[in-house]
Amino acid sequence: MPRGYVNSGKNADPEFRRQRARDARAAQLSIEHYVQGVVARAPELTEEQKAILRPLVSQPDGGASA
């Protein structure tokens, strides 16, 4: 007989679920998430892409001052 899960308690609260979804989306949009994605795919980057990233990474302000 398959286990039947009951969605009760704190996880059933709609506001809790909305806040959890907001937090998850904020984490997806964070700079840290994007940096981790670039680092994870570093072996796949082309030389042209690496040339674009090098000056951005080497500048303390992230290339914001142009």
N, C-alpha and C. Protein backbone atom coordinates (compact mmCIF):
# COMPACT_ATOMS: atom_id res chain seq x y z
N MET A 1 0.85 -1.17 0.00
CA MET A 1 0.00 0.00 0.00
C MET A 1 0.90 1.24 0.00
N PRO A 2 0.71 2.17 -0.94
CA PRO A 2 1.55 3.37 -0.98
C PRO A 2 1.26 4.27 0.21
N ARG A 3 2.32 4.94 0.60
CA ARG A 3 2.20 5.86 1.73
C ARG A 3 1.43 7.09 1.28
N GLY A 4 0.45 7.50 2.03
CA GLY A 4 -0.32 8.70 1.72
C GLY A 4 0.19 9.86 2.56
N TYR A 5 0.70 10.87 1.90
CA TYR A 5 1.21 12.05 2.61
C TYR A 5 0.08 13.04 2.82
N VAL A 6 0.02 13.56 4.00
CA VAL A 6 -0.98 14.54 4.34
C VAL A 6 -0.29 15.88 4.47
N ASN A 7 -0.74 16.85 3.70
CA ASN A 7 -0.17 18.18 3.76
C ASN A 7 -0.85 18.95 4.89
N SER A 8 -0.24 18.90 6.05
CA SER A 8 -0.85 19.54 7.20
C SER A 8 0.17 20.38 7.94
N GLY A 9 -0.32 21.15 8.84
CA GLY A 9 0.56 21.95 9.68
C GLY A 9 1.12 23.15 8.95
N LYS A 10 2.35 23.50 9.28
CA LYS A 10 3.00 24.70 8.77
C LYS A 10 3.09 24.70 7.25
N ASN A 11 3.35 23.53 6.63
CA ASN A 11 3.50 23.47 5.18
C ASN A 11 2.20 23.71 4.42
N ALA A 12 1.06 23.58 5.09
CA ALA A 12 -0.23 23.78 4.43
C ALA A 12 -0.64 25.25 4.44
N ASP A 13 -0.02 26.05 5.28
CA ASP A 13 -0.37 27.47 5.40
C ASP A 13 -0.02 28.19 4.09
N PRO A 14 -1.01 28.80 3.43
CA PRO A 14 -0.74 29.45 2.15
C PRO A 14 0.31 30.57 2.24
N GLU A 15 0.29 31.33 3.32
CA GLU A 15 1.28 32.40 3.45
C GLU A 15 2.68 31.83 3.62
N PHE A 16 2.81 30.74 4.34
CA PHE A 16 4.11 30.09 4.48
C PHE A 16 4.61 29.62 3.11
N ARG A 17 3.73 29.03 2.32
CA ARG A 17 4.12 28.54 1.00
C ARG A 17 4.50 29.69 0.08
N ARG A 18 3.76 30.81 0.15
CA ARG A 18 4.11 31.98 -0.67
C ARG A 18 5.47 32.53 -0.27
N GLN A 19 5.70 32.63 1.04
CA GLN A 19 6.99 33.16 1.50
C GLN A 19 8.13 32.23 1.10
N ARG A 20 7.91 30.93 1.19
CA ARG A 20 8.92 29.97 0.78
C ARG A 20 9.22 30.12 -0.71
N ALA A 21 8.20 30.33 -1.52
CA ALA A 21 8.39 30.54 -2.96
C ALA A 21 9.12 31.84 -3.23
N ARG A 22 8.79 32.92 -2.48
CA ARG A 22 9.50 34.19 -2.64
C ARG A 22 10.97 34.04 -2.31
N ASP A 23 11.25 33.34 -1.22
CA ASP A 23 12.64 33.12 -0.81
C ASP A 23 13.41 32.31 -1.85
N ALA A 24 12.76 31.30 -2.41
CA ALA A 24 13.40 30.47 -3.42
C ALA A 24 13.69 31.29 -4.67
N ARG A 25 12.75 32.14 -5.08
CA ARG A 25 12.97 32.97 -6.27
C ARG A 25 14.06 33.99 -6.02
N ALA A 26 14.11 34.58 -4.84
CA ALA A 26 15.16 35.53 -4.51
C ALA A 26 16.53 34.86 -4.57
N ALA A 27 16.60 33.63 -4.11
CA ALA A 27 17.86 32.89 -4.17
C ALA A 27 18.26 32.62 -5.61
N GLN A 28 17.29 32.33 -6.48
CA GLN A 28 17.58 32.09 -7.89
C GLN A 28 18.11 33.34 -8.58
N LEU A 29 17.65 34.50 -8.16
CA LEU A 29 18.04 35.75 -8.80
C LEU A 29 19.25 36.40 -8.15
N SER A 30 19.83 35.78 -7.15
CA SER A 30 20.94 36.38 -6.44
C SER A 30 22.22 36.33 -7.28
N ILE A 31 23.11 37.26 -7.03
CA ILE A 31 24.40 37.31 -7.71
C ILE A 31 25.16 36.02 -7.44
N GLU A 32 25.09 35.54 -6.22
CA GLU A 32 25.80 34.31 -5.85
C GLU A 32 25.37 33.15 -6.74
N HIS A 33 24.09 33.06 -7.03
CA HIS A 33 23.58 31.98 -7.88
C HIS A 33 24.17 32.07 -9.29
N TYR A 34 24.23 33.29 -9.84
CA TYR A 34 24.79 33.47 -11.17
C TYR A 34 26.29 33.15 -11.19
N VAL A 35 27.00 33.60 -10.16
CA VAL A 35 28.44 33.32 -10.09
C VAL A 35 28.68 31.82 -10.01
N GLN A 36 27.91 31.13 -9.19
CA GLN A 36 28.06 29.68 -9.08
C GLN A 36 27.80 29.00 -10.42
N GLY A 37 26.84 29.52 -11.16
CA GLY A 37 26.53 28.96 -12.48
C GLY A 37 27.68 29.13 -13.46
N VAL A 38 28.29 30.31 -13.44
CA VAL A 38 29.43 30.56 -14.33
C VAL A 38 30.60 29.67 -13.93
N VAL A 39 30.86 29.58 -12.64
CA VAL A 39 31.98 28.75 -12.17
C VAL A 39 31.73 27.28 -12.52
N ALA A 40 30.51 26.82 -12.36
CA ALA A 40 30.20 25.42 -12.67
C ALA A 40 30.39 25.11 -14.15
N ARG A 41 30.16 26.09 -15.00
CA ARG A 41 30.28 25.86 -16.44
C ARG A 41 31.59 26.38 -17.01
N ALA A 42 32.53 26.72 -16.16
CA ALA A 42 33.82 27.27 -16.60
C ALA A 42 34.51 26.41 -17.66
N PRO A 43 34.52 25.09 -17.53
CA PRO A 43 35.19 24.30 -18.57
C PRO A 43 34.54 24.42 -19.95
N GLU A 44 33.29 24.83 -20.01
CA GLU A 44 32.57 24.94 -21.28
C GLU A 44 32.73 26.31 -21.94
N LEU A 45 33.30 27.29 -21.22
CA LEU A 45 33.40 28.64 -21.76
C LEU A 45 34.38 28.69 -22.93
N THR A 46 34.00 29.49 -23.93
CA THR A 46 34.90 29.69 -25.06
C THR A 46 35.94 30.73 -24.68
N GLU A 47 36.98 30.84 -25.49
CA GLU A 47 38.02 31.84 -25.22
C GLU A 47 37.44 33.26 -25.30
N GLU A 48 36.48 33.49 -26.18
CA GLU A 48 35.86 34.81 -26.29
C GLU A 48 35.08 35.14 -25.01
N GLN A 49 34.38 34.16 -24.47
CA GLN A 49 33.64 34.39 -23.23
C GLN A 49 34.59 34.64 -22.07
N LYS A 50 35.68 33.89 -22.02
CA LYS A 50 36.67 34.10 -20.96
C LYS A 50 37.28 35.49 -21.07
N ALA A 51 37.52 35.96 -22.30
CA ALA A 51 38.08 37.30 -22.50
C ALA A 51 37.12 38.37 -21.99
N ILE A 52 35.84 38.15 -22.12
CA ILE A 52 34.84 39.11 -21.62
C ILE A 52 34.83 39.09 -20.09
N LEU A 53 34.92 37.92 -19.49
CA LEU A 53 34.83 37.80 -18.03
C LEU A 53 36.09 38.28 -17.31
N ARG A 54 37.26 38.08 -17.91
CA ARG A 54 38.52 38.41 -17.23
C ARG A 54 38.56 39.83 -16.67
N PRO A 55 38.30 40.86 -17.46
CA PRO A 55 38.37 42.23 -16.89
C PRO A 55 37.29 42.48 -15.83
N LEU A 56 36.15 41.85 -15.98
CA LEU A 56 35.08 42.04 -14.99
C LEU A 56 35.46 41.46 -13.64
N VAL A 57 36.12 40.31 -13.68
CA VAL A 57 36.50 39.64 -12.44
C VAL A 57 37.69 40.33 -11.78
N SER A 58 38.57 40.89 -12.60
CA SER A 58 39.79 41.48 -12.05
C SER A 58 39.55 42.85 -11.44
N GLN A 59 38.46 43.53 -11.79
CA GLN A 59 38.19 44.86 -11.25
C GLN A 59 37.45 44.74 -9.92
N PRO A 60 37.90 45.50 -8.91
CA PRO A 60 37.25 45.42 -7.59
C PRO A 60 35.77 45.80 -7.61
N ASP A 61 35.38 46.73 -8.52
CA ASP A 61 33.97 47.14 -8.57
C ASP A 61 33.17 46.32 -9.56
N GLY A 62 33.74 45.25 -10.09
CA GLY A 62 33.03 44.39 -11.02
C GLY A 62 32.80 45.00 -12.38
N GLY A 63 33.59 46.02 -12.71
CA GLY A 63 33.46 46.66 -14.02
C GLY A 63 32.37 47.69 -14.07
N ALA A 64 31.86 48.12 -12.92
CA ALA A 64 30.75 49.08 -12.88
C ALA A 64 31.20 50.46 -13.34
N SER A 65 32.44 50.82 -13.12
CA SER A 65 32.92 52.15 -13.54
C SER A 65 33.47 52.04 -14.96
N ALA A 66 32.78 52.68 -15.87
CA ALA A 66 33.23 52.60 -17.27
C ALA A 66 33.72 53.93 -17.75
